[in-house]
Amino acid sequence: MNRITIICGALGLALAAPAWSQPRLPFGPQAQELPLLPEECRIILMGTDEQRKSVHQTRFAGFVGPNHYCWGLNFMNRARFNSRDKTERRFNLQSAVGEFGYVLRHTPPGTPRLDEVRMQQQMAEMLLKMN
């Protein structure tokens, strides 16, 4: 009977372990992370509605979800500069791949600067393979 209890307990711990590896930081960029982002991302994420509209029309014309691109850049920065261990780094890189993927899936082909998004996604995927 004790063996069954120990086995069940160990199995329960093993199944619950992924839930323990929660991200350390909230989803959106923190105040100390904002200076690492390009100016247009700071405006998209923290600017007024008027500023966002202006940047969307000039720097992100045709983009669907420029905020996803900016979140992807922030996750890349977290992976490079703010990850405490391999698991956290992997989480941040996977999050970046997903955010860039959102833009690539929803933005029409041929949109200006879309190659930049694709390049960032490929870089995140390459870093994931190296991790």
Protein backbone atom coordinates (compact mmCIF):
# COMPACT_ATOMS: atom_id res chain seq x y z
CA MET A 1 0.00 0.00 0.00
CA ASN A 2 2.83 2.44 0.80
CA ARG A 3 4.43 1.84 -2.60
CA ILE A 4 1.21 2.74 -4.36
CA THR A 5 0.92 5.93 -2.30
CA ILE A 6 4.51 6.89 -3.09
CA ILE A 7 4.10 6.12 -6.79
CA CYS A 8 0.85 8.10 -6.99
CA GLY A 9 2.43 11.00 -5.10
CA ALA A 10 5.48 11.05 -7.37
CA LEU A 11 3.27 10.86 -10.46
CA GLY A 12 1.16 13.74 -9.15
CA LEU A 13 4.24 15.86 -8.58
CA ALA A 14 5.56 15.07 -12.05
CA LEU A 15 2.28 16.05 -13.67
CA ALA A 16 2.01 19.27 -11.66
CA ALA A 17 5.61 20.39 -12.34
CA PRO A 18 4.82 22.23 -15.62
CA ALA A 19 2.31 24.39 -13.76
CA TRP A 20 5.08 25.59 -11.44
CA SER A 21 7.11 27.04 -14.30
CA GLN A 22 5.04 30.19 -14.65
CA PRO A 23 6.54 33.31 -16.23
CA ARG A 24 8.23 35.56 -13.72
CA LEU A 25 7.14 38.80 -15.38
CA PRO A 26 3.69 39.90 -16.56
CA PHE A 27 2.88 39.62 -20.27
CA GLY A 28 3.34 43.25 -21.22
CA PRO A 29 6.59 45.21 -21.06
CA GLN A 30 7.63 46.62 -17.70
CA ALA A 31 8.86 50.20 -17.28
CA GLN A 32 12.50 49.06 -17.31
CA GLU A 33 11.93 47.13 -20.56
CA LEU A 34 10.35 49.95 -22.56
CA PRO A 35 13.62 51.80 -23.32
CA LEU A 36 14.91 48.66 -25.08
CA LEU A 37 12.05 48.79 -27.59
CA PRO A 38 12.01 50.97 -30.72
CA GLU A 39 10.24 54.31 -30.38
CA GLU A 40 7.32 53.17 -32.54
CA CYS A 41 6.72 50.22 -30.21
CA ARG A 42 6.77 52.43 -27.15
CA ILE A 43 4.07 54.54 -28.81
CA ILE A 44 2.02 51.51 -29.93
CA LEU A 45 2.12 50.02 -26.44
CA MET A 46 1.96 53.11 -24.22
CA GLY A 47 1.00 56.11 -26.37
CA THR A 48 -2.26 57.96 -26.71
CA ASP A 49 -4.86 56.84 -29.24
CA GLU A 50 -3.84 59.69 -31.54
CA GLN A 51 -0.14 58.76 -31.34
CA ARG A 52 -0.92 55.08 -31.97
CA LYS A 53 -3.03 55.91 -35.00
CA SER A 54 -0.27 58.10 -36.44
CA VAL A 55 2.43 55.44 -35.93
CA HIS A 56 0.18 52.73 -37.32
CA GLN A 57 -0.39 54.77 -40.48
CA THR A 58 3.26 55.69 -40.97
CA ARG A 59 5.50 52.92 -39.59
CA PHE A 60 3.08 49.97 -39.56
CA ALA A 61 0.96 50.71 -42.62
CA GLY A 62 -0.91 47.55 -43.60
CA PHE A 63 0.14 45.61 -40.48
CA VAL A 64 -2.45 43.64 -38.58
CA GLY A 65 -1.58 43.65 -34.89
CA PRO A 66 1.56 45.81 -34.64
CA ASN A 67 1.26 45.37 -30.87
CA HIS A 68 2.02 41.66 -31.41
CA TYR A 69 5.22 42.60 -33.23
CA CYS A 70 6.21 44.85 -30.32
CA TRP A 71 5.38 42.15 -27.75
CA GLY A 72 7.52 39.75 -29.79
CA LEU A 73 10.45 42.16 -29.64
CA ASN A 74 9.97 42.47 -25.89
CA PHE A 75 9.99 38.68 -25.47
CA MET A 76 13.20 38.56 -27.54
CA ASN A 77 14.77 41.14 -25.22
CA ARG A 78 13.65 39.15 -22.18
CA ALA A 79 15.21 36.01 -23.61
CA ARG A 80 18.49 37.81 -24.24
CA PHE A 81 18.81 39.99 -21.17
CA ASN A 82 16.36 38.97 -18.46
CA SER A 83 15.93 35.20 -18.40
CA ARG A 84 17.19 33.54 -15.24
CA ASP A 85 17.46 30.03 -16.63
CA LYS A 86 17.04 27.87 -19.71
CA THR A 87 13.33 27.24 -19.08
CA GLU A 88 12.51 30.92 -18.80
CA ARG A 89 14.62 31.72 -21.85
CA ARG A 90 12.80 29.02 -23.83
CA PHE A 91 9.41 30.35 -22.70
CA ASN A 92 10.33 33.87 -23.84
CA LEU A 93 11.63 32.70 -27.20
CA GLN A 94 8.54 30.56 -27.83
CA SER A 95 6.36 33.53 -26.92
CA ALA A 96 8.29 35.72 -29.37
CA VAL A 97 7.84 33.16 -32.17
CA GLY A 98 4.10 33.12 -31.48
CA GLU A 99 3.74 36.90 -31.45
CA PHE A 100 5.66 37.33 -34.71
CA GLY A 101 3.66 34.45 -36.17
CA TYR A 102 0.41 36.29 -35.41
CA VAL A 103 1.54 39.26 -37.50
CA LEU A 104 2.76 37.02 -40.32
CA ARG A 105 -0.51 35.04 -40.43
CA HIS A 106 -2.81 38.05 -40.38
CA THR A 107 -0.96 40.70 -42.38
CA PRO A 108 -1.37 40.63 -46.17
CA PRO A 109 1.72 39.43 -48.08
CA GLY A 110 3.79 42.22 -49.59
CA THR A 111 3.12 44.62 -46.74
CA PRO A 112 6.16 46.84 -46.11
CA ARG A 113 8.41 45.71 -43.24
CA LEU A 114 6.92 42.20 -43.18
CA ASP A 115 10.37 40.79 -43.99
CA GLU A 116 11.59 42.40 -40.77
CA VAL A 117 8.97 40.46 -38.81
CA ARG A 118 9.89 37.24 -40.60
CA MET A 119 13.58 37.82 -39.83
CA GLN A 120 12.83 38.37 -36.13
CA GLN A 121 10.77 35.17 -36.02
CA GLN A 122 13.56 33.21 -37.71
CA MET A 123 16.07 34.60 -35.22
CA ALA A 124 13.88 33.52 -32.30
CA GLU A 125 13.52 30.04 -33.82
CA MET A 126 17.29 29.79 -34.32
CA LEU A 127 17.92 30.82 -30.71
CA LEU A 128 15.39 28.21 -29.58
CA LYS A 129 17.32 25.51 -31.41
CA MET A 130 20.53 26.68 -29.74
CA ASN A 131 18.89 26.72 -26.28
